[in-house]
mmCIF file of all heavy atoms, coordinates in Angstrom:
data_MODEL
# 
_entry.id   MODEL 
# 
loop_
_atom_site.group_PDB 
_atom_site.id 
_atom_site.type_symbol 
_atom_site.label_atom_id 
_atom_site.label_alt_id 
_atom_site.label_comp_id 
_atom_site.label_asym_id 
_atom_site.label_entity_id 
_atom_site.label_seq_id 
_atom_site.pdbx_PDB_ins_code 
_atom_site.Cartn_x 
_atom_site.Cartn_y 
_atom_site.Cartn_z 
_atom_site.occupancy 
_atom_site.B_iso_or_equiv 
_atom_site.pdbx_formal_charge 
_atom_site.auth_seq_id 
_atom_site.auth_comp_id 
_atom_site.auth_asym_id 
_atom_site.auth_atom_id 
_atom_site.pdbx_PDB_model_num 
ATOM 1   N N   . SER A 1 1  ? 0.035   -6.668  -1.933 1.00 0.00 ? 1  SER A N   1 
ATOM 2   C CA  . SER A 1 1  ? -1.302  -6.173  -1.628 1.00 0.00 ? 1  SER A CA  1 
ATOM 3   C C   . SER A 1 1  ? -1.958  -6.979  -0.508 1.00 0.00 ? 1  SER A C   1 
ATOM 4   O O   . SER A 1 1  ? -3.004  -6.485  0.106  1.00 0.00 ? 1  SER A O   1 
ATOM 5   C CB  . SER A 1 1  ? -2.225  -6.170  -2.833 1.00 0.00 ? 1  SER A CB  1 
ATOM 6   O OG  . SER A 1 1  ? -2.390  -7.449  -3.461 1.00 0.00 ? 1  SER A OG  1 
ATOM 7   N N   . PHE A 1 2  ? -1.445  -8.170  -0.167 1.00 0.00 ? 2  PHE A N   1 
ATOM 8   C CA  . PHE A 1 2  ? -1.985  -8.950  0.908  1.00 0.00 ? 2  PHE A CA  1 
ATOM 9   C C   . PHE A 1 2  ? -1.642  -8.221  2.297  1.00 0.00 ? 2  PHE A C   1 
ATOM 10  O O   . PHE A 1 2  ? -2.293  -8.506  3.257  1.00 0.00 ? 2  PHE A O   1 
ATOM 11  C CB  . PHE A 1 2  ? -1.366  -10.301 0.905  1.00 0.00 ? 2  PHE A CB  1 
ATOM 12  C CG  . PHE A 1 2  ? 0.073   -10.429 1.077  1.00 0.00 ? 2  PHE A CG  1 
ATOM 13  C CD1 . PHE A 1 2  ? 0.636   -10.436 2.373  1.00 0.00 ? 2  PHE A CD1 1 
ATOM 14  C CD2 . PHE A 1 2  ? 0.967   -10.298 -0.028 1.00 0.00 ? 2  PHE A CD2 1 
ATOM 15  C CE1 . PHE A 1 2  ? 2.065   -10.556 2.493  1.00 0.00 ? 2  PHE A CE1 1 
ATOM 16  C CE2 . PHE A 1 2  ? 2.341   -10.355 0.175  1.00 0.00 ? 2  PHE A CE2 1 
ATOM 17  C CZ  . PHE A 1 2  ? 2.893   -10.459 1.408  1.00 0.00 ? 2  PHE A CZ  1 
ATOM 18  N N   . ALA A 1 3  ? -0.637  -7.423  2.212  1.00 0.00 ? 3  ALA A N   1 
ATOM 19  C CA  . ALA A 1 3  ? -0.180  -6.746  3.434  1.00 0.00 ? 3  ALA A CA  1 
ATOM 20  C C   . ALA A 1 3  ? -0.503  -5.269  3.457  1.00 0.00 ? 3  ALA A C   1 
ATOM 21  O O   . ALA A 1 3  ? -0.845  -4.748  4.489  1.00 0.00 ? 3  ALA A O   1 
ATOM 22  C CB  . ALA A 1 3  ? 1.316   -6.900  3.640  1.00 0.00 ? 3  ALA A CB  1 
ATOM 23  N N   . PHE A 1 4  ? -0.424  -4.545  2.281  1.00 0.00 ? 4  PHE A N   1 
ATOM 24  C CA  . PHE A 1 4  ? -0.661  -3.115  2.171  1.00 0.00 ? 4  PHE A CA  1 
ATOM 25  C C   . PHE A 1 4  ? -1.322  -2.812  0.872  1.00 0.00 ? 4  PHE A C   1 
ATOM 26  O O   . PHE A 1 4  ? -1.076  -3.473  -0.130 1.00 0.00 ? 4  PHE A O   1 
ATOM 27  C CB  . PHE A 1 4  ? 0.691   -2.343  2.303  1.00 0.00 ? 4  PHE A CB  1 
ATOM 28  C CG  . PHE A 1 4  ? 1.440   -2.555  3.585  1.00 0.00 ? 4  PHE A CG  1 
ATOM 29  C CD1 . PHE A 1 4  ? 2.406   -3.525  3.619  1.00 0.00 ? 4  PHE A CD1 1 
ATOM 30  C CD2 . PHE A 1 4  ? 1.157   -1.856  4.691  1.00 0.00 ? 4  PHE A CD2 1 
ATOM 31  C CE1 . PHE A 1 4  ? 3.166   -3.707  4.792  1.00 0.00 ? 4  PHE A CE1 1 
ATOM 32  C CE2 . PHE A 1 4  ? 1.825   -1.978  5.816  1.00 0.00 ? 4  PHE A CE2 1 
ATOM 33  C CZ  . PHE A 1 4  ? 2.815   -2.959  5.932  1.00 0.00 ? 4  PHE A CZ  1 
ATOM 34  N N   . GLU A 1 5  ? -2.180  -1.819  0.895  1.00 0.00 ? 5  GLU A N   1 
ATOM 35  C CA  . GLU A 1 5  ? -2.671  -1.258  -0.350 1.00 0.00 ? 5  GLU A CA  1 
ATOM 36  C C   . GLU A 1 5  ? -2.756  0.277   -0.224 1.00 0.00 ? 5  GLU A C   1 
ATOM 37  O O   . GLU A 1 5  ? -2.831  0.767   0.924  1.00 0.00 ? 5  GLU A O   1 
ATOM 38  C CB  . GLU A 1 5  ? -4.054  -1.766  -0.688 1.00 0.00 ? 5  GLU A CB  1 
ATOM 39  C CG  . GLU A 1 5  ? -4.087  -3.189  -1.253 1.00 0.00 ? 5  GLU A CG  1 
ATOM 40  C CD  . GLU A 1 5  ? -5.478  -3.590  -1.796 1.00 0.00 ? 5  GLU A CD  1 
ATOM 41  O OE1 . GLU A 1 5  ? -6.355  -3.822  -0.916 1.00 0.00 ? 5  GLU A OE1 1 
ATOM 42  O OE2 . GLU A 1 5  ? -5.658  -3.619  -3.015 1.00 0.00 ? 5  GLU A OE2 1 
ATOM 43  N N   . LEU A 1 6  ? -2.632  0.964   -1.315 1.00 0.00 ? 6  LEU A N   1 
ATOM 44  C CA  . LEU A 1 6  ? -2.679  2.418   -1.290 1.00 0.00 ? 6  LEU A CA  1 
ATOM 45  C C   . LEU A 1 6  ? -3.812  2.901   -2.193 1.00 0.00 ? 6  LEU A C   1 
ATOM 46  O O   . LEU A 1 6  ? -3.927  2.363   -3.310 1.00 0.00 ? 6  LEU A O   1 
ATOM 47  C CB  . LEU A 1 6  ? -1.349  3.028   -1.764 1.00 0.00 ? 6  LEU A CB  1 
ATOM 48  C CG  . LEU A 1 6  ? -1.165  4.504   -1.646 1.00 0.00 ? 6  LEU A CG  1 
ATOM 49  C CD1 . LEU A 1 6  ? -1.145  4.968   -0.144 1.00 0.00 ? 6  LEU A CD1 1 
ATOM 50  C CD2 . LEU A 1 6  ? 0.127   4.977   -2.320 1.00 0.00 ? 6  LEU A CD2 1 
ATOM 51  N N   . PHE A 1 7  ? -4.561  3.943   -1.783 1.00 0.00 ? 7  PHE A N   1 
ATOM 52  C CA  . PHE A 1 7  ? -5.687  4.427   -2.540 1.00 0.00 ? 7  PHE A CA  1 
ATOM 53  C C   . PHE A 1 7  ? -5.635  5.985   -2.568 1.00 0.00 ? 7  PHE A C   1 
ATOM 54  O O   . PHE A 1 7  ? -5.008  6.625   -1.738 1.00 0.00 ? 7  PHE A O   1 
ATOM 55  C CB  . PHE A 1 7  ? -7.028  4.000   -1.968 1.00 0.00 ? 7  PHE A CB  1 
ATOM 56  C CG  . PHE A 1 7  ? -7.141  2.464   -1.926 1.00 0.00 ? 7  PHE A CG  1 
ATOM 57  C CD1 . PHE A 1 7  ? -6.807  1.724   -0.804 1.00 0.00 ? 7  PHE A CD1 1 
ATOM 58  C CD2 . PHE A 1 7  ? -7.770  1.838   -3.006 1.00 0.00 ? 7  PHE A CD2 1 
ATOM 59  C CE1 . PHE A 1 7  ? -6.946  0.333   -0.784 1.00 0.00 ? 7  PHE A CE1 1 
ATOM 60  C CE2 . PHE A 1 7  ? -7.929  0.410   -2.954 1.00 0.00 ? 7  PHE A CE2 1 
ATOM 61  C CZ  . PHE A 1 7  ? -7.484  -0.329  -1.803 1.00 0.00 ? 7  PHE A CZ  1 
ATOM 62  N N   . THR A 1 8  ? -6.341  6.536   -3.614 1.00 0.00 ? 8  THR A N   1 
ATOM 63  C CA  . THR A 1 8  ? -6.388  7.948   -3.689 1.00 0.00 ? 8  THR A CA  1 
ATOM 64  C C   . THR A 1 8  ? -7.735  8.489   -3.315 1.00 0.00 ? 8  THR A C   1 
ATOM 65  O O   . THR A 1 8  ? -7.977  9.691   -3.325 1.00 0.00 ? 8  THR A O   1 
ATOM 66  C CB  . THR A 1 8  ? -6.219  8.359   -5.219 1.00 0.00 ? 8  THR A CB  1 
ATOM 67  O OG1 . THR A 1 8  ? -7.222  7.841   -6.036 1.00 0.00 ? 8  THR A OG1 1 
ATOM 68  C CG2 . THR A 1 8  ? -4.881  7.831   -5.717 1.00 0.00 ? 8  THR A CG2 1 
ATOM 69  N N   . ASP A 1 9  ? -8.691  7.607   -2.886 1.00 0.00 ? 9  ASP A N   1 
ATOM 70  C CA  . ASP A 1 9  ? -9.987  8.080   -2.387 1.00 0.00 ? 9  ASP A CA  1 
ATOM 71  C C   . ASP A 1 9  ? -10.357 7.400   -1.099 1.00 0.00 ? 9  ASP A C   1 
ATOM 72  O O   . ASP A 1 9  ? -9.981  6.243   -0.812 1.00 0.00 ? 9  ASP A O   1 
ATOM 73  C CB  . ASP A 1 9  ? -11.026 7.797   -3.459 1.00 0.00 ? 9  ASP A CB  1 
ATOM 74  C CG  . ASP A 1 9  ? -11.212 6.347   -3.710 1.00 0.00 ? 9  ASP A CG  1 
ATOM 75  O OD1 . ASP A 1 9  ? -10.221 5.583   -3.710 1.00 0.00 ? 9  ASP A OD1 1 
ATOM 76  O OD2 . ASP A 1 9  ? -12.392 5.850   -3.919 1.00 0.00 ? 9  ASP A OD2 1 
ATOM 77  N N   . SER A 1 10 ? -11.131 8.083   -0.290 1.00 0.00 ? 10 SER A N   1 
ATOM 78  C CA  . SER A 1 10 ? -11.565 7.544   1.049  1.00 0.00 ? 10 SER A CA  1 
ATOM 79  C C   . SER A 1 10 ? -12.438 6.344   0.927  1.00 0.00 ? 10 SER A C   1 
ATOM 80  O O   . SER A 1 10 ? -12.693 5.683   1.882  1.00 0.00 ? 10 SER A O   1 
ATOM 81  C CB  . SER A 1 10 ? -12.255 8.649   1.836  1.00 0.00 ? 10 SER A CB  1 
ATOM 82  O OG  . SER A 1 10 ? -13.423 9.131   1.269  1.00 0.00 ? 10 SER A OG  1 
ATOM 83  N N   . SER A 1 11 ? -13.075 6.090   -0.275 1.00 0.00 ? 11 SER A N   1 
ATOM 84  C CA  . SER A 1 11 ? -13.916 4.947   -0.526 1.00 0.00 ? 11 SER A CA  1 
ATOM 85  C C   . SER A 1 11 ? -13.086 3.677   -0.734 1.00 0.00 ? 11 SER A C   1 
ATOM 86  O O   . SER A 1 11 ? -13.552 2.611   -0.833 1.00 0.00 ? 11 SER A O   1 
ATOM 87  C CB  . SER A 1 11 ? -14.910 5.135   -1.618 1.00 0.00 ? 11 SER A CB  1 
ATOM 88  O OG  . SER A 1 11 ? -15.802 6.119   -1.272 1.00 0.00 ? 11 SER A OG  1 
ATOM 89  N N   . LEU A 1 12 ? -11.784 3.920   -0.894 1.00 0.00 ? 12 LEU A N   1 
ATOM 90  C CA  . LEU A 1 12 ? -10.786 2.790   -1.084 1.00 0.00 ? 12 LEU A CA  1 
ATOM 91  C C   . LEU A 1 12 ? -11.115 2.019   -2.359 1.00 0.00 ? 12 LEU A C   1 
ATOM 92  O O   . LEU A 1 12 ? -11.150 0.797   -2.351 1.00 0.00 ? 12 LEU A O   1 
ATOM 93  C CB  . LEU A 1 12 ? -10.708 1.929   0.088  1.00 0.00 ? 12 LEU A CB  1 
ATOM 94  C CG  . LEU A 1 12 ? -10.470 2.621   1.417  1.00 0.00 ? 12 LEU A CG  1 
ATOM 95  C CD1 . LEU A 1 12 ? -10.410 1.636   2.552  1.00 0.00 ? 12 LEU A CD1 1 
ATOM 96  C CD2 . LEU A 1 12 ? -9.308  3.486   1.411  1.00 0.00 ? 12 LEU A CD2 1 
ATOM 97  N N   . THR A 1 13 ? -11.333 2.735   -3.434 1.00 0.00 ? 13 THR A N   1 
ATOM 98  C CA  . THR A 1 13 ? -11.690 2.099   -4.764 1.00 0.00 ? 13 THR A CA  1 
ATOM 99  C C   . THR A 1 13 ? -10.718 2.417   -5.840 1.00 0.00 ? 13 THR A C   1 
ATOM 100 O O   . THR A 1 13 ? -10.669 1.755   -6.849 1.00 0.00 ? 13 THR A O   1 
ATOM 101 C CB  . THR A 1 13 ? -13.163 2.471   -5.258 1.00 0.00 ? 13 THR A CB  1 
ATOM 102 O OG1 . THR A 1 13 ? -13.173 3.930   -5.370 1.00 0.00 ? 13 THR A OG1 1 
ATOM 103 C CG2 . THR A 1 13 ? -14.181 2.073   -4.268 1.00 0.00 ? 13 THR A CG2 1 
ATOM 104 N N   . HIS A 1 14 ? -9.895  3.510   -5.677 1.00 0.00 ? 14 HIS A N   1 
ATOM 105 C CA  . HIS A 1 14 ? -8.895  3.883   -6.689 1.00 0.00 ? 14 HIS A CA  1 
ATOM 106 C C   . HIS A 1 14 ? -7.520  3.704   -6.202 1.00 0.00 ? 14 HIS A C   1 
ATOM 107 O O   . HIS A 1 14 ? -7.120  4.372   -5.280 1.00 0.00 ? 14 HIS A O   1 
ATOM 108 C CB  . HIS A 1 14 ? -9.187  5.420   -7.160 1.00 0.00 ? 14 HIS A CB  1 
ATOM 109 C CG  . HIS A 1 14 ? -10.346 5.558   -7.966 1.00 0.00 ? 14 HIS A CG  1 
ATOM 110 N ND1 . HIS A 1 14 ? -10.531 6.670   -8.868 1.00 0.00 ? 14 HIS A ND1 1 
ATOM 111 C CD2 . HIS A 1 14 ? -11.480 4.774   -8.159 1.00 0.00 ? 14 HIS A CD2 1 
ATOM 112 C CE1 . HIS A 1 14 ? -11.659 6.528   -9.518 1.00 0.00 ? 14 HIS A CE1 1 
ATOM 113 N NE2 . HIS A 1 14 ? -12.276 5.490   -9.086 1.00 0.00 ? 14 HIS A NE2 1 
ATOM 114 N N   . HIS A 1 15 ? -6.871  2.787   -6.831 1.00 0.00 ? 15 HIS A N   1 
ATOM 115 C CA  . HIS A 1 15 ? -5.500  2.339   -6.347 1.00 0.00 ? 15 HIS A CA  1 
ATOM 116 C C   . HIS A 1 15 ? -4.445  3.304   -6.665 1.00 0.00 ? 15 HIS A C   1 
ATOM 117 O O   . HIS A 1 15 ? -4.510  3.998   -7.739 1.00 0.00 ? 15 HIS A O   1 
ATOM 118 C CB  . HIS A 1 15 ? -5.189  0.991   -6.872 1.00 0.00 ? 15 HIS A CB  1 
ATOM 119 C CG  . HIS A 1 15 ? -5.947  -0.179  -6.351 1.00 0.00 ? 15 HIS A CG  1 
ATOM 120 N ND1 . HIS A 1 15 ? -7.251  -0.419  -6.773 1.00 0.00 ? 15 HIS A ND1 1 
ATOM 121 C CD2 . HIS A 1 15 ? -5.616  -1.081  -5.387 1.00 0.00 ? 15 HIS A CD2 1 
ATOM 122 C CE1 . HIS A 1 15 ? -7.669  -1.535  -6.128 1.00 0.00 ? 15 HIS A CE1 1 
ATOM 123 N NE2 . HIS A 1 15 ? -6.700  -1.943  -5.310 1.00 0.00 ? 15 HIS A NE2 1 
ATOM 124 N N   . ALA A 1 16 ? -3.411  3.325   -5.901 1.00 0.00 ? 16 ALA A N   1 
ATOM 125 C CA  . ALA A 1 16 ? -2.162  4.032   -6.264 1.00 0.00 ? 16 ALA A CA  1 
ATOM 126 C C   . ALA A 1 16 ? -0.950  3.040   -5.970 1.00 0.00 ? 16 ALA A C   1 
ATOM 127 O O   . ALA A 1 16 ? -1.105  2.119   -5.184 1.00 0.00 ? 16 ALA A O   1 
ATOM 128 C CB  . ALA A 1 16 ? -2.011  5.323   -5.513 1.00 0.00 ? 16 ALA A CB  1 
ATOM 129 N N   . ASP A 1 17 ? 0.132   3.259   -6.594 1.00 0.00 ? 17 ASP A N   1 
ATOM 130 C CA  . ASP A 1 17 ? 1.301   2.369   -6.379 1.00 0.00 ? 17 ASP A CA  1 
ATOM 131 C C   . ASP A 1 17 ? 2.216   2.883   -5.268 1.00 0.00 ? 17 ASP A C   1 
ATOM 132 O O   . ASP A 1 17 ? 2.223   4.115   -4.971 1.00 0.00 ? 17 ASP A O   1 
ATOM 133 C CB  . ASP A 1 17 ? 2.067   2.153   -7.664 1.00 0.00 ? 17 ASP A CB  1 
ATOM 134 C CG  . ASP A 1 17 ? 2.446   3.480   -8.366 1.00 0.00 ? 17 ASP A CG  1 
ATOM 135 O OD1 . ASP A 1 17 ? 1.522   4.284   -8.531 1.00 0.00 ? 17 ASP A OD1 1 
ATOM 136 O OD2 . ASP A 1 17 ? 3.591   3.698   -8.706 1.00 0.00 ? 17 ASP A OD2 1 
ATOM 137 N N   . TYR A 1 18 ? 2.976   1.995   -4.675 1.00 0.00 ? 18 TYR A N   1 
ATOM 138 C CA  . TYR A 1 18 ? 3.912   2.332   -3.686 1.00 0.00 ? 18 TYR A CA  1 
ATOM 139 C C   . TYR A 1 18 ? 5.053   1.329   -3.756 1.00 0.00 ? 18 TYR A C   1 
ATOM 140 O O   . TYR A 1 18 ? 5.038   0.353   -4.548 1.00 0.00 ? 18 TYR A O   1 
ATOM 141 C CB  . TYR A 1 18 ? 3.237   2.154   -2.226 1.00 0.00 ? 18 TYR A CB  1 
ATOM 142 C CG  . TYR A 1 18 ? 2.715   0.782   -1.948 1.00 0.00 ? 18 TYR A CG  1 
ATOM 143 C CD1 . TYR A 1 18 ? 3.518   -0.179  -1.312 1.00 0.00 ? 18 TYR A CD1 1 
ATOM 144 C CD2 . TYR A 1 18 ? 1.442   0.356   -2.357 1.00 0.00 ? 18 TYR A CD2 1 
ATOM 145 C CE1 . TYR A 1 18 ? 3.107   -1.420  -1.034 1.00 0.00 ? 18 TYR A CE1 1 
ATOM 146 C CE2 . TYR A 1 18 ? 1.030   -0.845  -2.084 1.00 0.00 ? 18 TYR A CE2 1 
ATOM 147 C CZ  . TYR A 1 18 ? 1.807   -1.829  -1.475 1.00 0.00 ? 18 TYR A CZ  1 
ATOM 148 O OH  . TYR A 1 18 ? 1.366   -3.072  -1.258 1.00 0.00 ? 18 TYR A OH  1 
ATOM 149 N N   . THR A 1 19 ? 6.140   1.604   -2.961 1.00 0.00 ? 19 THR A N   1 
ATOM 150 C CA  . THR A 1 19 ? 7.146   0.606   -2.820 1.00 0.00 ? 19 THR A CA  1 
ATOM 151 C C   . THR A 1 19 ? 7.221   0.068   -1.433 1.00 0.00 ? 19 THR A C   1 
ATOM 152 O O   . THR A 1 19 ? 6.867   0.724   -0.497 1.00 0.00 ? 19 THR A O   1 
ATOM 153 C CB  . THR A 1 19 ? 8.583   1.230   -3.113 1.00 0.00 ? 19 THR A CB  1 
ATOM 154 O OG1 . THR A 1 19 ? 8.780   2.354   -2.198 1.00 0.00 ? 19 THR A OG1 1 
ATOM 155 C CG2 . THR A 1 19 ? 8.609   1.826   -4.525 1.00 0.00 ? 19 THR A CG2 1 
ATOM 156 N N   . ALA A 1 20 ? 7.527   -1.161  -1.286 1.00 0.00 ? 20 ALA A N   1 
ATOM 157 C CA  . ALA A 1 20 ? 7.646   -1.895  -0.028 1.00 0.00 ? 20 ALA A CA  1 
ATOM 158 C C   . ALA A 1 20 ? 8.938   -2.606  0.105  1.00 0.00 ? 20 ALA A C   1 
ATOM 159 O O   . ALA A 1 20 ? 9.260   -3.429  -0.775 1.00 0.00 ? 20 ALA A O   1 
ATOM 160 C CB  . ALA A 1 20 ? 6.506   -2.857  0.211  1.00 0.00 ? 20 ALA A CB  1 
ATOM 161 N N   . HIS A 1 21 ? 9.783   -2.227  1.097  1.00 0.00 ? 21 HIS A N   1 
ATOM 162 C CA  . HIS A 1 21 ? 11.050  -2.860  1.343  1.00 0.00 ? 21 HIS A CA  1 
ATOM 163 C C   . HIS A 1 21 ? 11.157  -3.246  2.841  1.00 0.00 ? 21 HIS A C   1 
ATOM 164 O O   . HIS A 1 21 ? 10.646  -2.559  3.678  1.00 0.00 ? 21 HIS A O   1 
ATOM 165 C CB  . HIS A 1 21 ? 12.159  -1.960  1.021  1.00 0.00 ? 21 HIS A CB  1 
ATOM 166 C CG  . HIS A 1 21 ? 12.191  -1.516  -0.348 1.00 0.00 ? 21 HIS A CG  1 
ATOM 167 N ND1 . HIS A 1 21 ? 12.569  -2.341  -1.472 1.00 0.00 ? 21 HIS A ND1 1 
ATOM 168 C CD2 . HIS A 1 21 ? 11.880  -0.299  -1.001 1.00 0.00 ? 21 HIS A CD2 1 
ATOM 169 C CE1 . HIS A 1 21 ? 12.415  -1.664  -2.629 1.00 0.00 ? 21 HIS A CE1 1 
ATOM 170 N NE2 . HIS A 1 21 ? 11.999  -0.417  -2.335 1.00 0.00 ? 21 HIS A NE2 1 
ATOM 171 N N   . GLN A 1 22 ? 11.807  -4.405  3.119  1.00 0.00 ? 22 GLN A N   1 
ATOM 172 C CA  . GLN A 1 22 ? 11.961  -4.847  4.404  1.00 0.00 ? 22 GLN A CA  1 
ATOM 173 C C   . GLN A 1 22 ? 13.429  -4.673  4.909  1.00 0.00 ? 22 GLN A C   1 
ATOM 174 O O   . GLN A 1 22 ? 14.312  -5.046  4.149  1.00 0.00 ? 22 GLN A O   1 
ATOM 175 C CB  . GLN A 1 22 ? 11.492  -6.255  4.624  1.00 0.00 ? 22 GLN A CB  1 
ATOM 176 C CG  . GLN A 1 22 ? 11.477  -6.721  6.060  1.00 0.00 ? 22 GLN A CG  1 
ATOM 177 C CD  . GLN A 1 22 ? 10.556  -7.880  6.342  1.00 0.00 ? 22 GLN A CD  1 
ATOM 178 O OE1 . GLN A 1 22 ? 10.203  -8.593  5.351  1.00 0.00 ? 22 GLN A OE1 1 
ATOM 179 N NE2 . GLN A 1 22 ? 10.102  -8.074  7.565  1.00 0.00 ? 22 GLN A NE2 1 
ATOM 180 N N   . TYR A 1 23 ? 13.550  -4.059  6.019  1.00 0.00 ? 23 TYR A N   1 
ATOM 181 C CA  . TYR A 1 23 ? 14.937  -3.972  6.658  1.00 0.00 ? 23 TYR A CA  1 
ATOM 182 C C   . TYR A 1 23 ? 14.833  -4.550  8.034  1.00 0.00 ? 23 TYR A C   1 
ATOM 183 O O   . TYR A 1 23 ? 14.137  -4.077  8.958  1.00 0.00 ? 23 TYR A O   1 
ATOM 184 C CB  . TYR A 1 23 ? 15.354  -2.496  6.731  1.00 0.00 ? 23 TYR A CB  1 
ATOM 185 C CG  . TYR A 1 23 ? 15.351  -1.773  5.397  1.00 0.00 ? 23 TYR A CG  1 
ATOM 186 C CD1 . TYR A 1 23 ? 14.246  -1.094  4.906  1.00 0.00 ? 23 TYR A CD1 1 
ATOM 187 C CD2 . TYR A 1 23 ? 16.510  -1.876  4.555  1.00 0.00 ? 23 TYR A CD2 1 
ATOM 188 C CE1 . TYR A 1 23 ? 14.225  -0.486  3.746  1.00 0.00 ? 23 TYR A CE1 1 
ATOM 189 C CE2 . TYR A 1 23 ? 16.489  -1.250  3.350  1.00 0.00 ? 23 TYR A CE2 1 
ATOM 190 C CZ  . TYR A 1 23 ? 15.369  -0.540  2.891  1.00 0.00 ? 23 TYR A CZ  1 
ATOM 191 O OH  . TYR A 1 23 ? 15.342  0.074   1.715  1.00 0.00 ? 23 TYR A OH  1 
ATOM 192 N N   . ASP A 1 24 ? 15.473  -5.734  8.230  1.00 0.00 ? 24 ASP A N   1 
ATOM 193 C CA  . ASP A 1 24 ? 15.410  -6.437  9.495  1.00 0.00 ? 24 ASP A CA  1 
ATOM 194 C C   . ASP A 1 24 ? 13.912  -6.745  9.822  1.00 0.00 ? 24 ASP A C   1 
ATOM 195 O O   . ASP A 1 24 ? 13.250  -7.379  9.087  1.00 0.00 ? 24 ASP A O   1 
ATOM 196 C CB  . ASP A 1 24 ? 16.111  -5.609  10.643 1.00 0.00 ? 24 ASP A CB  1 
ATOM 197 C CG  . ASP A 1 24 ? 17.609  -5.455  10.336 1.00 0.00 ? 24 ASP A CG  1 
ATOM 198 O OD1 . ASP A 1 24 ? 18.223  -6.368  9.779  1.00 0.00 ? 24 ASP A OD1 1 
ATOM 199 O OD2 . ASP A 1 24 ? 18.146  -4.453  10.697 1.00 0.00 ? 24 ASP A OD2 1 
ATOM 200 N N   . ARG A 1 25 ? 13.419  -6.094  10.922 1.00 0.00 ? 25 ARG A N   1 
ATOM 201 C CA  . ARG A 1 25 ? 12.042  -6.349  11.325 1.00 0.00 ? 25 ARG A CA  1 
ATOM 202 C C   . ARG A 1 25 ? 11.177  -5.196  11.009 1.00 0.00 ? 25 ARG A C   1 
ATOM 203 O O   . ARG A 1 25 ? 10.082  -5.022  11.734 1.00 0.00 ? 25 ARG A O   1 
ATOM 204 C CB  . ARG A 1 25 ? 11.994  -6.768  12.741 1.00 0.00 ? 25 ARG A CB  1 
ATOM 205 C CG  . ARG A 1 25 ? 12.703  -8.132  13.007 1.00 0.00 ? 25 ARG A CG  1 
ATOM 206 C CD  . ARG A 1 25 ? 12.435  -8.540  14.464 1.00 0.00 ? 25 ARG A CD  1 
ATOM 207 N NE  . ARG A 1 25 ? 12.907  -9.866  14.676 1.00 0.00 ? 25 ARG A NE  1 
ATOM 208 C CZ  . ARG A 1 25 ? 12.859  -10.573 15.863 1.00 0.00 ? 25 ARG A CZ  1 
ATOM 209 N NH1 . ARG A 1 25 ? 12.220  -10.060 16.843 1.00 0.00 ? 25 ARG A NH1 1 
ATOM 210 N NH2 . ARG A 1 25 ? 13.345  -11.773 15.954 1.00 0.00 ? 25 ARG A NH2 1 
ATOM 211 N N   . ASP A 1 26 ? 11.493  -4.388  10.048 1.00 0.00 ? 26 ASP A N   1 
ATOM 212 C CA  . ASP A 1 26 ? 10.651  -3.209  9.683  1.00 0.00 ? 26 ASP A CA  1 
ATOM 213 C C   . ASP A 1 26 ? 10.335  -3.314  8.193  1.00 0.00 ? 26 ASP A C   1 
ATOM 214 O O   . ASP A 1 26 ? 11.228  -3.669  7.401  1.00 0.00 ? 26 ASP A O   1 
ATOM 215 C CB  . ASP A 1 26 ? 11.380  -1.887  9.978  1.00 0.00 ? 26 ASP A CB  1 
ATOM 216 C CG  . ASP A 1 26 ? 11.592  -1.664  11.430 1.00 0.00 ? 26 ASP A CG  1 
ATOM 217 O OD1 . ASP A 1 26 ? 10.701  -2.128  12.171 1.00 0.00 ? 26 ASP A OD1 1 
ATOM 218 O OD2 . ASP A 1 26 ? 12.550  -0.883  11.772 1.00 0.00 ? 26 ASP A OD2 1 
# 
């Protein structure tokens, strides 16, 4: 969450989960 967060509302108050994987420099 220091790098990315996902929300379900434009007020950015309701969180949603995601996956984050790094491949080389992406």
